[in-house]
PDB file of N, CA and C in Angstrom:
ATOM      1  N   MET A   1     -13.243  27.530 -31.183  1.00  0.00           N
ATOM      2  CA  MET A   1     -13.584  28.824 -30.639  1.00  0.00           C
ATOM      3  C   MET A   1     -12.306  29.492 -30.152  1.00  0.00           C
ATOM      4  N   VAL A   2     -12.137  30.746 -30.478  1.00  0.00           N
ATOM      5  CA  VAL A   2     -10.947  31.479 -30.093  1.00  0.00           C
ATOM      6  C   VAL A   2     -11.268  32.277 -28.840  1.00  0.00           C
ATOM      7  N   THR A   3     -10.750  31.815 -27.698  1.00  0.00           N
ATOM      8  CA  THR A   3     -11.027  32.482 -26.435  1.00  0.00           C
ATOM      9  C   THR A   3      -9.741  32.705 -25.670  1.00  0.00           C
ATOM     10  N   GLY A   4      -9.802  33.612 -24.707  1.00  0.00           N
ATOM     11  CA  GLY A   4      -8.647  33.907 -23.862  1.00  0.00           C
ATOM     12  C   GLY A   4      -8.676  33.069 -22.602  1.00  0.00           C
ATOM     13  N   LYS A   5      -8.025  33.584 -21.538  1.00  0.00           N
ATOM     14  CA  LYS A   5      -7.957  32.865 -20.272  1.00  0.00           C
ATOM     15  C   LYS A   5      -9.357  32.561 -19.751  1.00  0.00           C
ATOM     16  N   ASN A   6     -10.227  33.532 -19.829  1.00  0.00           N
ATOM     17  CA  ASN A   6     -11.628  33.334 -19.452  1.00  0.00           C
ATOM     18  C   ASN A   6     -12.312  32.731 -20.661  1.00  0.00           C
ATOM     19  N   SER A   7     -12.872  31.527 -20.533  1.00  0.00           N
ATOM     20  CA  SER A   7     -13.432  30.830 -21.697  1.00  0.00           C
ATOM     21  C   SER A   7     -14.601  31.584 -22.332  1.00  0.00           C
ATOM     22  N   ASN A   8     -15.169  32.578 -21.651  1.00  0.00           N
ATOM     23  CA  ASN A   8     -16.259  33.369 -22.225  1.00  0.00           C
ATOM     24  C   ASN A   8     -15.753  34.601 -22.957  1.00  0.00           C
ATOM     25  N   GLU A   9     -14.452  34.852 -22.883  1.00  0.00           N
ATOM     26  CA  GLU A   9     -13.864  36.025 -23.507  1.00  0.00           C
ATOM     27  C   GLU A   9     -13.571  35.738 -24.982  1.00  0.00           C
ATOM     28  N   CYS A  10     -14.077  36.565 -25.852  1.00  0.00           N
ATOM     29  CA  CYS A  10     -13.868  36.397 -27.288  1.00  0.00           C
ATOM     30  C   CYS A  10     -12.677  37.239 -27.731  1.00  0.00           C
ATOM     31  N   LEU A  11     -11.630  36.608 -28.228  1.00  0.00           N
ATOM     32  CA  LEU A  11     -10.432  37.327 -28.654  1.00  0.00           C
ATOM     33  C   LEU A  11     -10.611  38.025 -30.000  1.00  0.00           C
ATOM     34  N   MET A  12     -11.660  37.681 -30.733  1.00  0.00           N
ATOM     35  CA  MET A  12     -11.897  38.296 -32.038  1.00  0.00           C
ATOM     36  C   MET A  12     -12.721  39.570 -31.921  1.00  0.00           C
ATOM     37  N   LYS A  13     -13.172  39.900 -30.731  1.00  0.00           N
ATOM     38  CA  LYS A  13     -14.109  40.993 -30.513  1.00  0.00           C
ATOM     39  C   LYS A  13     -13.496  42.369 -30.737  1.00  0.00           C
ATOM     40  N   GLY A  14     -12.286  42.596 -30.238  1.00  0.00           N
ATOM     41  CA  GLY A  14     -11.709  43.933 -30.338  1.00  0.00           C
ATOM     42  C   GLY A  14     -12.607  44.920 -29.627  1.00  0.00           C
ATOM     43  N   GLY A  15     -12.983  45.982 -30.314  1.00  0.00           N
ATOM     44  CA  GLY A  15     -13.871  46.981 -29.721  1.00  0.00           C
ATOM     45  C   GLY A  15     -15.303  46.846 -30.177  1.00  0.00           C
ATOM     46  N   GLY A  16     -15.633  45.738 -30.825  1.00  0.00           N
ATOM     47  CA  GLY A  16     -16.980  45.599 -31.377  1.00  0.00           C
ATOM     48  C   GLY A  16     -17.637  44.287 -31.010  1.00  0.00           C
ATOM     49  N   LEU A  17     -18.255  43.697 -32.001  1.00  0.00           N
ATOM     50  CA  LEU A  17     -19.000  42.449 -31.807  1.00  0.00           C
ATOM     51  C   LEU A  17     -18.090  41.236 -31.878  1.00  0.00           C
ATOM     52  N   CYS A  18     -18.466  40.203 -31.167  1.00  0.00           N
ATOM     53  CA  CYS A  18     -17.776  38.929 -31.303  1.00  0.00           C
ATOM     54  C   CYS A  18     -18.436  38.173 -32.458  1.00  0.00           C
ATOM     55  N   PRO A  19     -17.692  37.847 -33.497  1.00  0.00           N
ATOM     56  CA  PRO A  19     -18.297  37.145 -34.641  1.00  0.00           C
ATOM     57  C   PRO A  19     -18.890  35.800 -34.262  1.00  0.00           C
ATOM     58  N   LEU A  20     -18.394  35.177 -33.199  1.00  0.00           N
ATOM     59  CA  LEU A  20     -18.932  33.887 -32.777  1.00  0.00           C
ATOM     60  C   LEU A  20     -20.364  34.021 -32.268  1.00  0.00           C
ATOM     61  N   GLN A  21     -20.660  35.142 -31.603  1.00  0.00           N
ATOM     62  CA  GLN A  21     -22.030  35.369 -31.149  1.00  0.00           C
ATOM     63  C   GLN A  21     -22.964  35.517 -32.345  1.00  0.00           C
ATOM     64  N   ILE A  22     -22.522  36.238 -33.358  1.00  0.00           N
ATOM     65  CA  ILE A  22     -23.323  36.416 -34.572  1.00  0.00           C
ATOM     66  C   ILE A  22     -23.503  35.062 -35.258  1.00  0.00           C
ATOM     67  N   GLU A  23     -22.442  34.271 -35.309  1.00  0.00           N
ATOM     68  CA  GLU A  23     -22.516  32.942 -35.918  1.00  0.00           C
ATOM     69  C   GLU A  23     -23.538  32.067 -35.191  1.00  0.00           C
ATOM     70  N   ASN A  24     -23.549  32.139 -33.854  1.00  0.00           N
ATOM     71  CA  ASN A  24     -24.515  31.358 -33.075  1.00  0.00           C
ATOM     72  C   ASN A  24     -25.949  31.781 -33.382  1.00  0.00           C
ATOM     73  N   ILE A  25     -26.168  33.072 -33.553  1.00  0.00           N
ATOM     74  CA  ILE A  25     -27.513  33.566 -33.889  1.00  0.00           C
ATOM     75  C   ILE A  25     -27.910  33.072 -35.275  1.00  0.00           C
ATOM     76  N   LEU A  26     -27.019  33.230 -36.234  1.00  0.00           N
ATOM     77  CA  LEU A  26     -27.329  32.860 -37.618  1.00  0.00           C
ATOM     78  C   LEU A  26     -27.508  31.361 -37.805  1.00  0.00           C
ATOM     79  N   THR A  27     -26.906  30.558 -36.938  1.00  0.00           N
ATOM     80  CA  THR A  27     -27.068  29.109 -37.018  1.00  0.00           C
ATOM     81  C   THR A  27     -28.534  28.718 -36.956  1.00  0.00           C
ATOM     82  N   ASN A  28     -29.311  29.446 -36.169  1.00  0.00           N
ATOM     83  CA  ASN A  28     -30.742  29.155 -36.049  1.00  0.00           C
ATOM     84  C   ASN A  28     -31.519  29.498 -37.317  1.00  0.00           C
ATOM     85  N   PHE A  29     -30.943  30.325 -38.189  1.00  0.00           N
ATOM     86  CA  PHE A  29     -31.674  30.814 -39.350  1.00  0.00           C
ATOM     87  C   PHE A  29     -31.043  30.440 -40.676  1.00  0.00           C
ATOM     88  N   ARG A  30     -30.194  29.423 -40.700  1.00  0.00           N
ATOM     89  CA  ARG A  30     -29.527  29.012 -41.938  1.00  0.00           C
ATOM     90  C   ARG A  30     -30.452  28.312 -42.917  1.00  0.00           C
ATOM     91  N   ASN A  31     -31.492  27.691 -42.427  1.00  0.00           N
ATOM     92  CA  ASN A  31     -32.370  26.963 -43.334  1.00  0.00           C
ATOM     93  C   ASN A  31     -33.309  27.934 -44.047  1.00  0.00           C
ATOM     94  N   LYS A  32     -34.003  27.434 -45.017  1.00  0.00           N
ATOM     95  CA  LYS A  32     -34.811  28.270 -45.900  1.00  0.00           C
ATOM     96  C   LYS A  32     -35.959  28.989 -45.198  1.00  0.00           C
ATOM     97  N   TRP A  33     -36.558  28.401 -44.181  1.00  0.00           N
ATOM     98  CA  TRP A  33     -37.831  28.913 -43.691  1.00  0.00           C
ATOM     99  C   TRP A  33     -37.833  29.592 -42.328  1.00  0.00           C
ATOM    100  N   SER A  34     -36.869  29.330 -41.470  1.00  0.00           N
ATOM    101  CA  SER A  34     -36.956  29.810 -40.084  1.00  0.00           C
ATOM    102  C   SER A  34     -37.053  31.333 -39.963  1.00  0.00           C
ATOM    103  N   LEU A  35     -36.178  32.055 -40.633  1.00  0.00           N
ATOM    104  CA  LEU A  35     -36.227  33.514 -40.535  1.00  0.00           C
ATOM    105  C   LEU A  35     -37.514  34.083 -41.146  1.00  0.00           C
ATOM    106  N   PRO A  36     -37.944  33.643 -42.332  1.00  0.00           N
ATOM    107  CA  PRO A  36     -39.216  34.145 -42.850  1.00  0.00           C
ATOM    108  C   PRO A  36     -40.400  33.848 -41.919  1.00  0.00           C
ATOM    109  N   ILE A  37     -40.393  32.710 -41.230  1.00  0.00           N
ATOM    110  CA  ILE A  37     -41.466  32.405 -40.281  1.00  0.00           C
ATOM    111  C   ILE A  37     -41.425  33.388 -39.122  1.00  0.00           C
ATOM    112  N   LEU A  38     -40.234  33.608 -38.559  1.00  0.00           N
ATOM    113  CA  LEU A  38     -40.100  34.550 -37.445  1.00  0.00           C
ATOM    114  C   LEU A  38     -40.543  35.947 -37.857  1.00  0.00           C
ATOM    115  N   ILE A  39     -40.110  36.407 -39.024  1.00  0.00           N
ATOM    116  CA  ILE A  39     -40.475  37.740 -39.512  1.00  0.00           C
ATOM    117  C   ILE A  39     -41.985  37.833 -39.741  1.00  0.00           C
ATOM    118  N   THR A  40     -42.581  36.799 -40.319  1.00  0.00           N
ATOM    119  CA  THR A  40     -44.028  36.797 -40.565  1.00  0.00           C
ATOM    120  C   THR A  40     -44.803  36.888 -39.263  1.00  0.00           C
ATOM    121  N   ILE A  41     -44.425  36.098 -38.273  1.00  0.00           N
ATOM    122  CA  ILE A  41     -45.100  36.165 -36.976  1.00  0.00           C
ATOM    123  C   ILE A  41     -44.917  37.558 -36.374  1.00  0.00           C
ATOM    124  N   GLY A  42     -43.708  38.101 -36.463  1.00  0.00           N
ATOM    125  CA  GLY A  42     -43.445  39.448 -35.942  1.00  0.00           C
ATOM    126  C   GLY A  42     -44.262  40.526 -36.635  1.00  0.00           C
ATOM    127  N   ASN A  43     -44.484  40.372 -37.921  1.00  0.00           N
ATOM    128  CA  ASN A  43     -45.264  41.362 -38.673  1.00  0.00           C
ATOM    129  C   ASN A  43     -46.722  41.413 -38.242  1.00  0.00           C
ATOM    130  N   PHE A  44     -47.219  40.313 -37.702  1.00  0.00           N
ATOM    131  CA  PHE A  44     -48.644  40.233 -37.352  1.00  0.00           C
ATOM    132  C   PHE A  44     -48.881  40.005 -35.862  1.00  0.00           C
ATOM    133  N   SER A  45     -47.870  40.158 -35.020  1.00  0.00           N
ATOM    134  CA  SER A  45     -47.939  39.962 -33.565  1.00  0.00           C
ATOM    135  C   SER A  45     -48.127  38.510 -33.175  1.00  0.00           C
ATOM    136  N   SER A  46     -49.211  37.897 -33.616  1.00  0.00           N
ATOM    137  CA  SER A  46     -49.413  36.475 -33.349  1.00  0.00           C
ATOM    138  C   SER A  46     -50.299  35.897 -34.444  1.00  0.00           C
ATOM    139  N   LEU A  47     -50.024  34.651 -34.766  1.00  0.00           N
ATOM    140  CA  LEU A  47     -50.765  33.971 -35.828  1.00  0.00           C
ATOM    141  C   LEU A  47     -50.935  32.506 -35.469  1.00  0.00           C
ATOM    142  N   HIS A  48     -52.011  31.915 -35.952  1.00  0.00           N
ATOM    143  CA  HIS A  48     -52.136  30.470 -35.796  1.00  0.00           C
ATOM    144  C   HIS A  48     -51.560  29.783 -37.039  1.00  0.00           C
ATOM    145  N   PHE A  49     -51.380  28.486 -36.925  1.00  0.00           N
ATOM    146  CA  PHE A  49     -50.675  27.683 -37.911  1.00  0.00           C
ATOM    147  C   PHE A  49     -51.151  27.940 -39.345  1.00  0.00           C
ATOM    148  N   ASN A  50     -52.447  27.851 -39.584  1.00  0.00           N
ATOM    149  CA  ASN A  50     -52.950  27.987 -40.957  1.00  0.00           C
ATOM    150  C   ASN A  50     -52.725  29.378 -41.531  1.00  0.00           C
ATOM    151  N   LEU A  51     -52.795  30.407 -40.682  1.00  0.00           N
ATOM    152  CA  LEU A  51     -52.514  31.759 -41.180  1.00  0.00           C
ATOM    153  C   LEU A  51     -51.031  31.922 -41.520  1.00  0.00           C
ATOM    154  N   ILE A  52     -50.166  31.342 -40.704  1.00  0.00           N
ATOM    155  CA  ILE A  52     -48.733  31.389 -41.027  1.00  0.00           C
ATOM    156  C   ILE A  52     -48.499  30.698 -42.370  1.00  0.00           C
ATOM    157  N   LYS A  53     -49.085  29.534 -42.534  1.00  0.00           N
ATOM    158  CA  LYS A  53     -48.924  28.770 -43.778  1.00  0.00           C
ATOM    159  C   LYS A  53     -49.434  29.572 -44.975  1.00  0.00           C
ATOM    160  N   ARG A  54     -50.580  30.202 -44.822  1.00  0.00           N
ATOM    161  CA  ARG A  54     -51.157  30.995 -45.908  1.00  0.00           C
ATOM    162  C   ARG A  54     -50.267  32.186 -46.254  1.00  0.00           C
ATOM    163  N   LYS A  55     -49.759  32.865 -45.235  1.00  0.00           N
ATOM    164  CA  LYS A  55     -48.924  34.047 -45.478  1.00  0.00           C
ATOM    165  C   LYS A  55     -47.550  33.669 -46.004  1.00  0.00           C
ATOM    166  N   MET A  56     -47.103  32.440 -45.724  1.00  0.00           N
ATOM    167  CA  MET A  56     -45.804  31.971 -46.198  1.00  0.00           C
ATOM    168  C   MET A  56     -45.866  31.426 -47.624  1.00  0.00           C
ATOM    169  N   SER A  57     -47.025  31.351 -48.195  1.00  0.00           N
ATOM    170  CA  SER A  57     -47.186  30.846 -49.564  1.00  0.00           C
ATOM    171  C   SER A  57     -47.231  32.015 -50.529  1.00  0.00           C
ATOM    172  N   TYR A  58     -46.181  32.159 -51.295  1.00  0.00           N
ATOM    173  CA  TYR A  58     -46.125  33.242 -52.274  1.00  0.00           C
ATOM    174  C   TYR A  58     -45.404  32.733 -53.511  1.00  0.00           C
ATOM    175  N   GLY A  59     -45.953  33.080 -54.641  1.00  0.00           N
ATOM    176  CA  GLY A  59     -45.368  32.627 -55.899  1.00  0.00           C
ATOM    177  C   GLY A  59     -45.247  31.116 -55.931  1.00  0.00           C
ATOM    178  N   SER A  60     -44.078  30.641 -56.287  1.00  0.00           N
ATOM    179  CA  SER A  60     -43.858  29.195 -56.327  1.00  0.00           C
ATOM    180  C   SER A  60     -43.291  28.673 -55.007  1.00  0.00           C
ATOM    181  N   ASN A  61     -43.113  29.569 -54.023  1.00  0.00           N
ATOM    182  CA  ASN A  61     -42.590  29.173 -52.715  1.00  0.00           C
ATOM    183  C   ASN A  61     -43.730  28.830 -51.779  1.00  0.00           C
ATOM    184  N   ASN A  62     -43.987  27.560 -51.614  1.00  0.00           N
ATOM    185  CA  ASN A  62     -45.021  27.103 -50.698  1.00  0.00           C
ATOM    186  C   ASN A  62     -44.381  26.200 -49.664  1.00  0.00           C
ATOM    187  N   ILE A  63     -44.630  26.500 -48.401  1.00  0.00           N
ATOM    188  CA  ILE A  63     -44.096  25.675 -47.329  1.00  0.00           C
ATOM    189  C   ILE A  63     -45.101  24.566 -47.023  1.00  0.00           C
ATOM    190  N   SER A  64     -44.619  23.364 -46.869  1.00  0.00           N
ATOM    191  CA  SER A  64     -45.516  22.251 -46.549  1.00  0.00           C
ATOM    192  C   SER A  64     -45.895  22.312 -45.067  1.00  0.00           C
ATOM    193  N   SER A  65     -46.995  21.697 -44.730  1.00  0.00           N
ATOM    194  CA  SER A  65     -47.436  21.640 -43.329  1.00  0.00           C
ATOM    195  C   SER A  65     -46.401  20.954 -42.460  1.00  0.00           C
ATOM    196  N   LYS A  66     -45.789  19.905 -42.983  1.00  0.00           N
ATOM    197  CA  LYS A  66     -44.783  19.156 -42.230  1.00  0.00           C
ATOM    198  C   LYS A  66     -43.568  20.032 -41.919  1.00  0.00           C
ATOM    199  N   VAL A  67     -43.066  20.741 -42.924  1.00  0.00           N
ATOM    200  CA  VAL A  67     -41.899  21.601 -42.735  1.00  0.00           C
ATOM    201  C   VAL A  67     -42.247  22.750 -41.792  1.00  0.00           C
ATOM    202  N   LEU A  68     -43.407  23.365 -41.970  1.00  0.00           N
ATOM    203  CA  LEU A  68     -43.819  24.458 -41.094  1.00  0.00           C
ATOM    204  C   LEU A  68     -43.890  23.983 -39.649  1.00  0.00           C
ATOM    205  N   SER A  69     -44.476  22.828 -39.437  1.00  0.00           N
ATOM    206  CA  SER A  69     -44.587  22.264 -38.090  1.00  0.00           C
ATOM    207  C   SER A  69     -43.203  22.055 -37.469  1.00  0.00           C
ATOM    208  N   GLU A  70     -42.278  21.491 -38.238  1.00  0.00           N
ATOM    209  CA  GLU A  70     -40.910  21.256 -37.750  1.00  0.00           C
ATOM    210  C   GLU A  70     -40.211  22.567 -37.400  1.00  0.00           C
ATOM    211  N   LYS A  71     -40.334  23.552 -38.283  1.00  0.00           N
ATOM    212  CA  LYS A  71     -39.655  24.833 -38.056  1.00  0.00           C
ATOM    213  C   LYS A  71     -40.254  25.566 -36.860  1.00  0.00           C
ATOM    214  N   LEU A  72     -41.573  25.508 -36.701  1.00  0.00           N
ATOM    215  CA  LEU A  72     -42.206  26.142 -35.540  1.00  0.00           C
ATOM    216  C   LEU A  72     -41.727  25.483 -34.247  1.00  0.00           C
ATOM    217  N   LYS A  73     -41.652  24.164 -34.232  1.00  0.00           N
ATOM    218  CA  LYS A  73     -41.161  23.451 -33.042  1.00  0.00           C
ATOM    219  C   LYS A  73     -39.731  23.856 -32.722  1.00  0.00           C
ATOM    220  N   ASN A  74     -38.883  23.965 -33.741  1.00  0.00           N
ATOM    221  CA  ASN A  74     -37.495  24.374 -33.524  1.00  0.00           C
ATOM    222  C   ASN A  74     -37.395  25.798 -32.997  1.00  0.00           C
ATOM    223  N   LEU A  75     -38.220  26.698 -33.527  1.00  0.00           N
ATOM    224  CA  LEU A  75     -38.203  28.084 -33.062  1.00  0.00           C
ATOM    225  C   LEU A  75     -38.713  28.197 -31.630  1.00  0.00           C
ATOM    226  N   VAL A  76     -39.696  27.373 -31.263  1.00  0.00           N
ATOM    227  CA  VAL A  76     -40.178  27.349 -29.878  1.00  0.00           C
ATOM    228  C   VAL A  76     -39.065  26.810 -28.974  1.00  0.00           C
ATOM    229  N   LYS A  77     -38.455  25.713 -29.386  1.00  0.00           N
ATOM    230  CA  LYS A  77     -37.385  25.084 -28.600  1.00  0.00           C
ATOM    231  C   LYS A  77     -36.200  26.036 -28.411  1.00  0.00           C
ATOM    232  N   SER A  78     -35.893  26.829 -29.428  1.00  0.00           N
ATOM    233  CA  SER A  78     -34.780  27.781 -29.368  1.00  0.00           C
ATOM    234  C   SER A  78     -35.131  29.040 -28.591  1.00  0.00           C
ATOM    235  N   GLY A  79     -36.395  29.200 -28.244  1.00  0.00           N
ATOM    236  CA  GLY A  79     -36.814  30.350 -27.434  1.00  0.00           C
ATOM    237  C   GLY A  79     -37.142  31.606 -28.211  1.00  0.00           C
ATOM    238  N   PHE A  80     -37.334  31.493 -29.527  1.00  0.00           N
ATOM    239  CA  PHE A  80     -37.644  32.667 -30.343  1.00  0.00           C
ATOM    240  C   PHE A  80     -39.151  32.948 -30.420  1.00  0.00           C
ATOM    241  N   ILE A  81     -39.957  31.902 -30.333  1.00  0.00           N
ATOM    242  CA  ILE A  81     -41.411  32.077 -30.362  1.00  0.00           C
ATOM    243  C   ILE A  81     -42.042  31.239 -29.248  1.00  0.00           C
ATOM    244  N   THR A  82     -43.271  31.573 -28.919  1.00  0.00           N
ATOM    245  CA  THR A  82     -44.039  30.778 -27.969  1.00  0.00           C
ATOM    246  C   THR A  82     -45.261  30.225 -28.680  1.00  0.00           C
ATOM    247  N   SER A  83     -45.759  29.133 -28.163  1.00  0.00           N
ATOM    248  CA  SER A  83     -47.001  28.577 -28.685  1.00  0.00           C
ATOM    249  C   SER A  83     -48.002  28.554 -27.537  1.00  0.00           C
ATOM    250  N   ARG A  84     -49.211  28.990 -27.836  1.00  0.00           N
ATOM    251  CA  ARG A  84     -50.254  29.049 -26.817  1.00  0.00           C
ATOM    252  C   ARG A  84     -51.521  28.431 -27.376  1.00  0.00           C
ATOM    253  N   GLU A  85     -52.029  27.438 -26.660  1.00  0.00           N
ATOM    254  CA  GLU A  85     -53.260  26.786 -27.091  1.00  0.00           C
ATOM    255  C   GLU A  85     -54.431  27.721 -26.844  1.00  0.00           C
ATOM    256  N   GLN A  86     -55.313  27.816 -27.839  1.00  0.00           N
ATOM    257  CA  GLN A  86     -56.517  28.620 -27.693  1.00  0.00           C
ATOM    258  C   GLN A  86     -57.663  27.713 -27.293  1.00  0.00           C
ATOM    259  N   ASP A  87     -58.502  28.247 -26.454  1.00  0.00           N
ATOM    260  CA  ASP A  87     -59.641  27.487 -25.947  1.00  0.00           C
ATOM    261  C   ASP A  87     -60.825  27.639 -26.898  1.00  0.00           C
ATOM    262  N   VAL A  88     -60.648  27.157 -28.112  1.00  0.00           N
ATOM    263  CA  VAL A  88     -61.698  27.259 -29.128  1.00  0.00           C
ATOM    264  C   VAL A  88     -61.831  25.932 -29.853  1.00  0.00           C
ATOM    265  N   TYR A  89     -62.917  25.790 -30.548  1.00  0.00           N
ATOM    266  CA  TYR A  89     -63.097  24.629 -31.417  1.00  0.00           C
ATOM    267  C   TYR A  89     -63.282  25.143 -32.826  1.00  0.00           C
ATOM    268  N   PRO A  90     -62.584  24.679 -33.821  1.00  0.00           N
ATOM    269  CA  PRO A  90     -61.579  23.630 -33.735  1.00  0.00           C
ATOM    270  C   PRO A  90     -60.321  24.136 -33.023  1.00  0.00           C
ATOM    271  N   PHE A  91     -59.592  23.198 -32.461  1.00  0.00           N
ATOM    272  CA  PHE A  91     -58.386  23.450 -31.690  1.00  0.00           C
ATOM    273  C   PHE A  91     -57.390  24.283 -32.506  1.00  0.00           C
ATOM    274  N   LYS A  92     -56.845  25.342 -31.895  1.00  0.00           N
ATOM    275  CA  LYS A  92     -55.850  26.183 -32.569  1.00  0.00           C
ATOM    276  C   LYS A  92     -54.718  26.505 -31.610  1.00  0.00           C
ATOM    277  N   ILE A  93     -53.540  26.667 -32.172  1.00  0.00           N
ATOM    278  CA  ILE A  93     -52.384  27.133 -31.413  1.00  0.00           C
ATOM    279  C   ILE A  93     -51.941  28.455 -32.024  1.00  0.00           C
ATOM    280  N   LYS A  94     -51.793  29.468 -31.167  1.00  0.00           N
ATOM    281  CA  LYS A  94     -51.300  30.766 -31.618  1.00  0.00           C
ATOM    282  C   LYS A  94     -49.815  30.853 -31.333  1.00  0.00           C
ATOM    283  N   TYR A  95     -49.076  31.377 -32.276  1.00  0.00           N
ATOM    284  CA  TYR A  95     -47.644  31.567 -32.136  1.00  0.00           C
ATOM    285  C   TYR A  95     -47.350  33.057 -32.068  1.00  0.00           C
ATOM    286  N   SER A  96     -46.456  33.421 -31.166  1.00  0.00           N
ATOM    287  CA  SER A  96     -46.038  34.819 -31.057  1.00  0.00           C
ATOM    288  C   SER A  96     -44.556  34.856 -30.680  1.00  0.00           C
ATOM    289  N   LEU A  97     -43.954  36.022 -30.863  1.00  0.00           N
ATOM    290  CA  LEU A  97     -42.534  36.172 -30.573  1.00  0.00           C
ATOM    291  C   LEU A  97     -42.297  36.293 -29.074  1.00  0.00           C
ATOM    292  N   THR A  98     -41.205  35.720 -28.607  1.00  0.00           N
ATOM    293  CA  THR A  98     -40.739  35.947 -27.242  1.00  0.00           C
ATOM    294  C   THR A  98     -39.938  37.247 -27.258  1.00  0.00           C
ATOM    295  N   ASP A  99     -39.446  37.669 -26.106  1.00  0.00           N
ATOM    296  CA  ASP A  99     -38.577  38.852 -26.070  1.00  0.00           C
ATOM    297  C   ASP A  99     -37.332  38.621 -26.924  1.00  0.00           C
ATOM    298  N   LYS A 100     -36.795  37.415 -26.862  1.00  0.00           N
ATOM    299  CA  LYS A 100     -35.625  37.047 -27.674  1.00  0.00           C
ATOM    300  C   LYS A 100     -35.967  37.142 -29.163  1.00  0.00           C
ATOM    301  N   GLY A 101     -37.122  36.611 -29.552  1.00  0.00           N
ATOM    302  CA  GLY A 101     -37.561  36.674 -30.942  1.00  0.00           C
ATOM    303  C   GLY A 101     -37.845  38.099 -31.386  1.00  0.00           C
ATOM    304  N   GLU A 102     -38.428  38.888 -30.489  1.00  0.00           N
ATOM    305  CA  GLU A 102     -38.725  40.297 -30.788  1.00  0.00           C
ATOM    306  C   GLU A 102     -37.429  41.066 -31.027  1.00  0.00           C
ATOM    307  N   GLY A 103     -36.401  40.762 -30.234  1.00  0.00           N
ATOM    308  CA  GLY A 103     -35.101  41.417 -30.423  1.00  0.00           C
ATOM    309  C   GLY A 103     -34.515  41.097 -31.785  1.00  0.00           C
ATOM    310  N   ILE A 104     -34.577  39.816 -32.185  1.00  0.00           N
ATOM    311  CA  ILE A 104     -34.071  39.411 -33.505  1.00  0.00           C
ATOM    312  C   ILE A 104     -34.899  40.070 -34.607  1.00  0.00           C
ATOM    313  N   TYR A 105     -36.220  40.084 -34.426  1.00  0.00           N
ATOM    314  CA  TYR A 105     -37.117  40.703 -35.404  1.00  0.00           C
ATOM    315  C   TYR A 105     -36.747  42.174 -35.618  1.00  0.00           C
ATOM    316  N   LYS A 106     -36.539  42.901 -34.535  1.00  0.00           N
ATOM    317  CA  LYS A 106     -36.193  44.326 -34.633  1.00  0.00           C
ATOM    318  C   LYS A 106     -34.845  44.525 -35.304  1.00  0.00           C
ATOM    319  N   LYS A 107     -33.873  43.674 -34.970  1.00  0.00           N
ATOM    320  CA  LYS A 107     -32.546  43.795 -35.586  1.00  0.00           C
ATOM    321  C   LYS A 107     -32.608  43.535 -37.088  1.00  0.00           C
ATOM    322  N   PHE A 108     -33.325  42.494 -37.494  1.00  0.00           N
ATOM    323  CA  PHE A 108     -33.432  42.199 -38.921  1.00  0.00           C
ATOM    324  C   PHE A 108     -34.257  43.265 -39.648  1.00  0.00           C
ATOM    325  N   SER A 109     -35.250  43.842 -38.979  1.00  0.00           N
ATOM    326  CA  SER A 109     -36.018  44.934 -39.584  1.00  0.00           C
ATOM    327  C   SER A 109     -35.116  46.131 -39.833  1.00  0.00           C
ATOM    328  N   SER A 110     -34.291  46.458 -38.846  1.00  0.00           N
ATOM    329  CA  SER A 110     -33.345  47.566 -38.973  1.00  0.00           C
ATOM    330  C   SER A 110     -32.315  47.274 -40.063  1.00  0.00           C
ATOM    331  N   PHE A 111     -31.808  46.045 -40.080  1.00  0.00           N
ATOM    332  CA  PHE A 111     -30.848  45.628 -41.103  1.00  0.00           C
ATOM    333  C   PHE A 111     -31.466  45.746 -42.495  1.00  0.00           C
ATOM    334  N   SER A 112     -32.696  45.288 -42.638  1.00  0.00           N
ATOM    335  CA  SER A 112     -33.380  45.339 -43.929  1.00  0.00           C
ATOM    336  C   SER A 112     -33.579  46.779 -44.381  1.00  0.00           C
ATOM    337  N   GLU A 113     -33.977  47.634 -43.442  1.00  0.00           N
ATOM    338  CA  GLU A 113     -34.177  49.046 -43.758  1.00  0.00           C
ATOM    339  C   GLU A 113     -32.859  49.697 -44.174  1.00  0.00           C
ATOM    340  N   SER A 114     -31.775  49.397 -43.453  1.00  0.00           N
ATOM    341  CA  SER A 114     -30.457  49.928 -43.791  1.00  0.00           C
ATOM    342  C   SER A 114     -30.026  49.449 -45.180  1.00  0.00           C
ATOM    343  N   TYR A 115     -30.293  48.194 -45.484  1.00  0.00           N
ATOM    344  CA  TYR A 115     -29.926  47.631 -46.779  1.00  0.00           C
ATOM    345  C   TYR A 115     -30.690  48.342 -47.901  1.00  0.00           C
ATOM    346  N   GLU A 116     -31.971  48.566 -47.674  1.00  0.00           N
ATOM    347  CA  GLU A 116     -32.817  49.220 -48.698  1.00  0.00           C
ATOM    348  C   GLU A 116     -32.392  50.667 -48.938  1.00  0.00           C
ATOM    349  N   THR A 117     -32.070  51.385 -47.862  1.00  0.00           N
ATOM    350  CA  THR A 117     -31.741  52.803 -47.993  1.00  0.00           C
ATOM    351  C   THR A 117     -30.261  53.047 -48.254  1.00  0.00           C
ATOM    352  N   GLY A 118     -29.440  52.015 -48.050  1.00  0.00           N
ATOM    353  CA  GLY A 118     -27.995  52.164 -48.263  1.00  0.00           C
ATOM    354  C   GLY A 118     -27.302  52.892 -47.125  1.00  0.00           C
ATOM    355  N   LYS A 119     -28.003  53.006 -45.986  1.00  0.00           N
ATOM    356  CA  LYS A 119     -27.408  53.714 -44.825  1.00  0.00           C
ATOM    357  C   LYS A 119     -27.128  52.751 -43.706  1.00  0.00           C
TER     358      LYS A 119
END
């Protein structure tokens, strides 16, 4: 990490963003499924496991229950989504974005829109 006298000071920042902060954010989304899961949950406000799995299955890209479970746990642990048990039978857990996840969702939505429009 390239820092100055203050260990929190980023010397690569100049007048803009510190690339290390961006790198830390992207580290959470380097794998195949984490960002699409976050975006899917953001698109629908909150979803339970089976609905996420159903919406994540498109074409030949199908996420396994095991992988989805692992990625959801990692996103909860990282603070991007929350899990809330529903008081229903059969037992269900609803997943929704935290403020941190909502911020990432909005940034990627804006980025995607800019990419599509070329602006």
